Amino acid sequence: MSFTKKHLNAVEGAIARGEKTVRYGDRTVEYRSIDELIRARDEIRTSLANSAAPRSRVVRIYHGGKGV
């Protein structure tokens, strides 16, 4: 799933309030524990950090002719 900053804000808000239920627009997710909610927050943060990082570009050059 691709996460957005809104997802992160909703999870962090639930953690701050001590709730185990998070609402994303028309969806509601209930976590089993605060620890599970914290793990979800960490996963969302990692996903957002990885998507924000520039992707490295690989350039491959092939030569099909005779050697030099």
PDB file of N, CA and C in Angstrom:
ATOM      1  N   MET A   1       0.851  -1.177   0.000  1.00  0.00           N
ATOM      2  CA  MET A   1       0.000   0.000   0.000  1.00  0.00           C
ATOM      3  C   MET A   1       0.889   1.229   0.000  1.00  0.00           C
ATOM      4  N   SER A   2       0.510   2.216  -0.768  1.00  0.00           N
ATOM      5  CA  SER A   2       1.278   3.454  -0.727  1.00  0.00           C
ATOM      6  C   SER A   2       0.651   4.375   0.319  1.00  0.00           C
ATOM      7  N   PHE A   3       1.487   4.875   1.177  1.00  0.00           N
ATOM      8  CA  PHE A   3       1.037   5.719   2.275  1.00  0.00           C
ATOM      9  C   PHE A   3       1.246   7.176   1.926  1.00  0.00           C
ATOM     10  N   THR A   4       0.465   8.015   2.578  1.00  0.00           N
ATOM     11  CA  THR A   4       0.606   9.456   2.408  1.00  0.00           C
ATOM     12  C   THR A   4       0.868  10.082   3.776  1.00  0.00           C
ATOM     13  N   LYS A   5       1.164  11.355   3.749  1.00  0.00           N
ATOM     14  CA  LYS A   5       1.392  12.094   4.988  1.00  0.00           C
ATOM     15  C   LYS A   5       0.131  12.101   5.855  1.00  0.00           C
ATOM     16  N   LYS A   6      -1.046  12.054   5.215  1.00  0.00           N
ATOM     17  CA  LYS A   6      -2.307  12.009   5.967  1.00  0.00           C
ATOM     18  C   LYS A   6      -2.406  10.731   6.794  1.00  0.00           C
ATOM     19  N   HIS A   7      -1.952   9.604   6.223  1.00  0.00           N
ATOM     20  CA  HIS A   7      -1.953   8.347   6.973  1.00  0.00           C
ATOM     21  C   HIS A   7      -1.061   8.462   8.206  1.00  0.00           C
ATOM     22  N   LEU A   8       0.115   9.021   8.002  1.00  0.00           N
ATOM     23  CA  LEU A   8       1.053   9.176   9.119  1.00  0.00           C
ATOM     24  C   LEU A   8       0.463  10.085  10.196  1.00  0.00           C
ATOM     25  N   ASN A   9      -0.142  11.187   9.793  1.00  0.00           N
ATOM     26  CA  ASN A   9      -0.746  12.103  10.762  1.00  0.00           C
ATOM     27  C   ASN A   9      -1.872  11.434  11.550  1.00  0.00           C
ATOM     28  N   ALA A  10      -2.681  10.620  10.876  1.00  0.00           N
ATOM     29  CA  ALA A  10      -3.784   9.938  11.555  1.00  0.00           C
ATOM     30  C   ALA A  10      -3.255   8.946  12.586  1.00  0.00           C
ATOM     31  N   VAL A  11      -2.222   8.199  12.229  1.00  0.00           N
ATOM     32  CA  VAL A  11      -1.654   7.216  13.149  1.00  0.00           C
ATOM     33  C   VAL A  11      -0.985   7.924  14.331  1.00  0.00           C
ATOM     34  N   GLU A  12      -0.230   8.969  14.047  1.00  0.00           N
ATOM     35  CA  GLU A  12       0.425   9.698  15.132  1.00  0.00           C
ATOM     36  C   GLU A  12      -0.603  10.358  16.061  1.00  0.00           C
ATOM     37  N   GLY A  13      -1.695  10.830  15.508  1.00  0.00           N
ATOM     38  CA  GLY A  13      -2.752  11.415  16.327  1.00  0.00           C
ATOM     39  C   GLY A  13      -3.390  10.384  17.243  1.00  0.00           C
ATOM     40  N   ALA A  14      -3.617   9.176  16.716  1.00  0.00           N
ATOM     41  CA  ALA A  14      -4.193   8.103  17.534  1.00  0.00           C
ATOM     42  C   ALA A  14      -3.234   7.703  18.654  1.00  0.00           C
ATOM     43  N   ILE A  15      -1.946   7.653  18.358  1.00  0.00           N
ATOM     44  CA  ILE A  15      -0.953   7.327  19.383  1.00  0.00           C
ATOM     45  C   ILE A  15      -0.967   8.396  20.472  1.00  0.00           C
ATOM     46  N   ALA A  16      -1.025   9.652  20.071  1.00  0.00           N
ATOM     47  CA  ALA A  16      -1.017  10.751  21.036  1.00  0.00           C
ATOM     48  C   ALA A  16      -2.250  10.722  21.943  1.00  0.00           C
ATOM     49  N   ARG A  17      -3.386  10.311  21.379  1.00  0.00           N
ATOM     50  CA  ARG A  17      -4.618  10.244  22.162  1.00  0.00           C
ATOM     51  C   ARG A  17      -4.754   8.937  22.939  1.00  0.00           C
ATOM     52  N   GLY A  18      -3.887   7.969  22.668  1.00  0.00           N
ATOM     53  CA  GLY A  18      -3.956   6.671  23.338  1.00  0.00           C
ATOM     54  C   GLY A  18      -5.050   5.779  22.787  1.00  0.00           C
ATOM     55  N   GLU A  19      -5.500   6.054  21.582  1.00  0.00           N
ATOM     56  CA  GLU A  19      -6.550   5.256  20.940  1.00  0.00           C
ATOM     57  C   GLU A  19      -5.923   4.148  20.105  1.00  0.00           C
ATOM     58  N   LYS A  20      -6.699   3.109  19.868  1.00  0.00           N
ATOM     59  CA  LYS A  20      -6.244   2.025  19.004  1.00  0.00           C
ATOM     60  C   LYS A  20      -6.989   2.023  17.675  1.00  0.00           C
ATOM     61  N   THR A  21      -7.854   2.990  17.468  1.00  0.00           N
ATOM     62  CA  THR A  21      -8.635   3.086  16.246  1.00  0.00           C
ATOM     63  C   THR A  21      -8.164   4.291  15.429  1.00  0.00           C
ATOM     64  N   VAL A  22      -7.956   4.052  14.135  1.00  0.00           N
ATOM     65  CA  VAL A  22      -7.489   5.104  13.227  1.00  0.00           C
ATOM     66  C   VAL A  22      -8.484   5.209  12.080  1.00  0.00           C
ATOM     67  N   ARG A  23      -8.831   6.436  11.714  1.00  0.00           N
ATOM     68  CA  ARG A  23      -9.759   6.674  10.608  1.00  0.00           C
ATOM     69  C   ARG A  23      -9.016   7.340   9.461  1.00  0.00           C
ATOM     70  N   TYR A  24      -9.150   6.737   8.270  1.00  0.00           N
ATOM     71  CA  TYR A  24      -8.576   7.282   7.035  1.00  0.00           C
ATOM     72  C   TYR A  24      -9.739   7.579   6.110  1.00  0.00           C
ATOM     73  N   GLY A  25     -10.268   8.762   6.169  1.00  0.00           N
ATOM     74  CA  GLY A  25     -11.398   9.099   5.299  1.00  0.00           C
ATOM     75  C   GLY A  25     -12.594   8.232   5.633  1.00  0.00           C
ATOM     76  N   ASP A  26     -12.976   7.320   4.721  1.00  0.00           N
ATOM     77  CA  ASP A  26     -14.135   6.455   4.951  1.00  0.00           C
ATOM     78  C   ASP A  26     -13.756   5.106   5.552  1.00  0.00           C
ATOM     79  N   ARG A  27     -12.479   4.876   5.831  1.00  0.00           N
ATOM     80  CA  ARG A  27     -12.025   3.608   6.399  1.00  0.00           C
ATOM     81  C   ARG A  27     -11.667   3.764   7.870  1.00  0.00           C
ATOM     82  N   THR A  28     -11.907   2.700   8.621  1.00  0.00           N
ATOM     83  CA  THR A  28     -11.540   2.666  10.033  1.00  0.00           C
ATOM     84  C   THR A  28     -10.746   1.393  10.279  1.00  0.00           C
ATOM     85  N   VAL A  29      -9.604   1.538  10.938  1.00  0.00           N
ATOM     86  CA  VAL A  29      -8.753   0.401  11.277  1.00  0.00           C
ATOM     87  C   VAL A  29      -8.577   0.381  12.783  1.00  0.00           C
ATOM     88  N   GLU A  30      -8.810  -0.796  13.378  1.00  0.00           N
ATOM     89  CA  GLU A  30      -8.603  -0.937  14.811  1.00  0.00           C
ATOM     90  C   GLU A  30      -7.418  -1.860  15.037  1.00  0.00           C
ATOM     91  N   TYR A  31      -6.421  -1.350  15.719  1.00  0.00           N
ATOM     92  CA  TYR A  31      -5.218  -2.114  16.017  1.00  0.00           C
ATOM     93  C   TYR A  31      -5.398  -2.849  17.342  1.00  0.00           C
ATOM     94  N   ARG A  32      -4.664  -3.954  17.516  1.00  0.00           N
ATOM     95  CA  ARG A  32      -4.806  -4.769  18.727  1.00  0.00           C
ATOM     96  C   ARG A  32      -4.172  -4.117  19.939  1.00  0.00           C
ATOM     97  N   SER A  33      -3.101  -3.344  19.694  1.00  0.00           N
ATOM     98  CA  SER A  33      -2.408  -2.711  20.820  1.00  0.00           C
ATOM     99  C   SER A  33      -1.725  -1.435  20.343  1.00  0.00           C
ATOM    100  N   ILE A  34      -1.285  -0.642  21.296  1.00  0.00           N
ATOM    101  CA  ILE A  34      -0.539   0.572  20.967  1.00  0.00           C
ATOM    102  C   ILE A  34       0.804   0.199  20.337  1.00  0.00           C
ATOM    103  N   ASP A  35       1.404  -0.907  20.796  1.00  0.00           N
ATOM    104  CA  ASP A  35       2.671  -1.356  20.201  1.00  0.00           C
ATOM    105  C   ASP A  35       2.508  -1.657  18.716  1.00  0.00           C
ATOM    106  N   GLU A  36       1.398  -2.285  18.353  1.00  0.00           N
ATOM    107  CA  GLU A  36       1.134  -2.569  16.939  1.00  0.00           C
ATOM    108  C   GLU A  36       0.942  -1.265  16.169  1.00  0.00           C
ATOM    109  N   LEU A  37       0.314  -0.309  16.785  1.00  0.00           N
ATOM    110  CA  LEU A  37       0.103   1.000  16.164  1.00  0.00           C
ATOM    111  C   LEU A  37       1.441   1.710  15.958  1.00  0.00           C
ATOM    112  N   ILE A  38       2.339   1.594  16.925  1.00  0.00           N
ATOM    113  CA  ILE A  38       3.664   2.200  16.796  1.00  0.00           C
ATOM    114  C   ILE A  38       4.457   1.533  15.683  1.00  0.00           C
ATOM    115  N   ARG A  39       4.342   0.210  15.555  1.00  0.00           N
ATOM    116  CA  ARG A  39       5.021  -0.496  14.456  1.00  0.00           C
ATOM    117  C   ARG A  39       4.464  -0.040  13.106  1.00  0.00           C
ATOM    118  N   ALA A  40       3.150   0.176  13.042  1.00  0.00           N
ATOM    119  CA  ALA A  40       2.534   0.676  11.805  1.00  0.00           C
ATOM    120  C   ALA A  40       3.061   2.067  11.478  1.00  0.00           C
ATOM    121  N   ARG A  41       3.191   2.919  12.504  1.00  0.00           N
ATOM    122  CA  ARG A  41       3.736   4.265  12.297  1.00  0.00           C
ATOM    123  C   ARG A  41       5.156   4.190  11.741  1.00  0.00           C
ATOM    124  N   ASP A  42       5.970   3.311  12.309  1.00  0.00           N
ATOM    125  CA  ASP A  42       7.349   3.163  11.836  1.00  0.00           C
ATOM    126  C   ASP A  42       7.393   2.674  10.395  1.00  0.00           C
ATOM    127  N   GLU A  43       6.494   1.753  10.042  1.00  0.00           N
ATOM    128  CA  GLU A  43       6.436   1.250   8.669  1.00  0.00           C
ATOM    129  C   GLU A  43       6.027   2.358   7.698  1.00  0.00           C
ATOM    130  N   ILE A  44       5.072   3.178   8.103  1.00  0.00           N
ATOM    131  CA  ILE A  44       4.634   4.295   7.253  1.00  0.00           C
ATOM    132  C   ILE A  44       5.772   5.291   7.076  1.00  0.00           C
ATOM    133  N   ARG A  45       6.475   5.605   8.157  1.00  0.00           N
ATOM    134  CA  ARG A  45       7.613   6.529   8.063  1.00  0.00           C
ATOM    135  C   ARG A  45       8.675   5.999   7.106  1.00  0.00           C
ATOM    136  N   THR A  46       8.986   4.706   7.217  1.00  0.00           N
ATOM    137  CA  THR A  46       9.985   4.101   6.334  1.00  0.00           C
ATOM    138  C   THR A  46       9.530   4.161   4.884  1.00  0.00           C
ATOM    139  N   SER A  47       8.267   3.850   4.652  1.00  0.00           N
ATOM    140  CA  SER A  47       7.725   3.882   3.296  1.00  0.00           C
ATOM    141  C   SER A  47       7.784   5.287   2.702  1.00  0.00           C
ATOM    142  N   LEU A  48       7.437   6.283   3.498  1.00  0.00           N
ATOM    143  CA  LEU A  48       7.488   7.663   3.011  1.00  0.00           C
ATOM    144  C   LEU A  48       8.921   8.107   2.752  1.00  0.00           C
ATOM    145  N   ALA A  49       9.844   7.698   3.601  1.00  0.00           N
ATOM    146  CA  ALA A  49      11.248   8.074   3.417  1.00  0.00           C
ATOM    147  C   ALA A  49      11.815   7.429   2.158  1.00  0.00           C
ATOM    148  N   ASN A  50      11.449   6.176   1.916  1.00  0.00           N
ATOM    149  CA  ASN A  50      11.956   5.480   0.726  1.00  0.00           C
ATOM    150  C   ASN A  50      11.365   6.050  -0.560  1.00  0.00           C
ATOM    151  N   SER A  51      10.118   6.469  -0.511  1.00  0.00           N
ATOM    152  CA  SER A  51       9.500   7.015  -1.722  1.00  0.00           C
ATOM    153  C   SER A  51      10.003   8.425  -2.015  1.00  0.00           C
ATOM    154  N   ALA A  52      10.481   9.130  -0.992  1.00  0.00           N
ATOM    155  CA  ALA A  52      10.970  10.493  -1.187  1.00  0.00           C
ATOM    156  C   ALA A  52      12.411  10.519  -1.691  1.00  0.00           C
ATOM    157  N   ALA A  53      13.143   9.441  -1.446  1.00  0.00           N
ATOM    158  CA  ALA A  53      14.552   9.392  -1.858  1.00  0.00           C
ATOM    159  C   ALA A  53      14.642   9.257  -3.377  1.00  0.00           C
ATOM    160  N   PRO A  54      15.554   9.975  -3.986  1.00  0.00           N
ATOM    161  CA  PRO A  54      15.699   9.846  -5.436  1.00  0.00           C
ATOM    162  C   PRO A  54      16.214   8.465  -5.798  1.00  0.00           C
ATOM    163  N   ARG A  55      15.693   7.934  -6.867  1.00  0.00           N
ATOM    164  CA  ARG A  55      16.111   6.613  -7.314  1.00  0.00           C
ATOM    165  C   ARG A  55      17.389   6.755  -8.125  1.00  0.00           C
ATOM    166  N   SER A  56      18.294   5.841  -7.907  1.00  0.00           N
ATOM    167  CA  SER A  56      19.545   5.891  -8.657  1.00  0.00           C
ATOM    168  C   SER A  56      19.292   5.437 -10.094  1.00  0.00           C
ATOM    169  N   ARG A  57      20.058   5.978 -10.986  1.00  0.00           N
ATOM    170  CA  ARG A  57      19.905   5.651 -12.396  1.00  0.00           C
ATOM    171  C   ARG A  57      21.090   4.800 -12.833  1.00  0.00           C
ATOM    172  N   VAL A  58      20.800   3.737 -13.537  1.00  0.00           N
ATOM    173  CA  VAL A  58      21.845   2.848 -14.041  1.00  0.00           C
ATOM    174  C   VAL A  58      21.875   2.993 -15.553  1.00  0.00           C
ATOM    175  N   VAL A  59      23.049   3.268 -16.080  1.00  0.00           N
ATOM    176  CA  VAL A  59      23.226   3.385 -17.523  1.00  0.00           C
ATOM    177  C   VAL A  59      24.180   2.281 -17.952  1.00  0.00           C
ATOM    178  N   ARG A  60      23.728   1.439 -18.859  1.00  0.00           N
ATOM    179  CA  ARG A  60      24.562   0.349 -19.356  1.00  0.00           C
ATOM    180  C   ARG A  60      24.895   0.633 -20.810  1.00  0.00           C
ATOM    181  N   ILE A  61      26.147   0.503 -21.131  1.00  0.00           N
ATOM    182  CA  ILE A  61      26.607   0.740 -22.494  1.00  0.00           C
ATOM    183  C   ILE A  61      27.124  -0.578 -23.052  1.00  0.00           C
ATOM    184  N   TYR A  62      26.597  -0.960 -24.179  1.00  0.00           N
ATOM    185  CA  TYR A  62      27.006  -2.195 -24.827  1.00  0.00           C
ATOM    186  C   TYR A  62      27.689  -1.857 -26.142  1.00  0.00           C
ATOM    187  N   HIS A  63      28.688  -2.652 -26.459  1.00  0.00           N
ATOM    188  CA  HIS A  63      29.404  -2.479 -27.721  1.00  0.00           C
ATOM    189  C   HIS A  63      29.373  -3.805 -28.432  1.00  0.00           C
ATOM    190  N   GLY A  64      28.765  -3.855 -29.573  1.00  0.00           N
ATOM    191  CA  GLY A  64      28.615  -5.105 -30.293  1.00  0.00           C
ATOM    192  C   GLY A  64      29.637  -5.319 -31.383  1.00  0.00           C
ATOM    193  N   GLY A  65      30.555  -4.376 -31.554  1.00  0.00           N
ATOM    194  CA  GLY A  65      31.532  -4.491 -32.633  1.00  0.00           C
ATOM    195  C   GLY A  65      32.824  -5.168 -32.179  1.00  0.00           C
ATOM    196  N   LYS A  66      33.847  -5.062 -33.012  1.00  0.00           N
ATOM    197  CA  LYS A  66      35.144  -5.653 -32.699  1.00  0.00           C
ATOM    198  C   LYS A  66      35.837  -4.838 -31.625  1.00  0.00           C
ATOM    199  N   GLY A  67      36.701  -5.472 -30.905  1.00  0.00           N
ATOM    200  CA  GLY A  67      37.468  -4.799 -29.879  1.00  0.00           C
ATOM    201  C   GLY A  67      38.428  -3.782 -30.461  1.00  0.00           C
ATOM    202  N   VAL A  68      38.960  -2.952 -29.663  1.00  0.00           N
ATOM    203  CA  VAL A  68      39.848  -1.889 -30.101  1.00  0.00           C
ATOM    204  C   VAL A  68      41.233  -2.382 -30.292  1.00  0.00           C
TER     205      VAL A  68
END
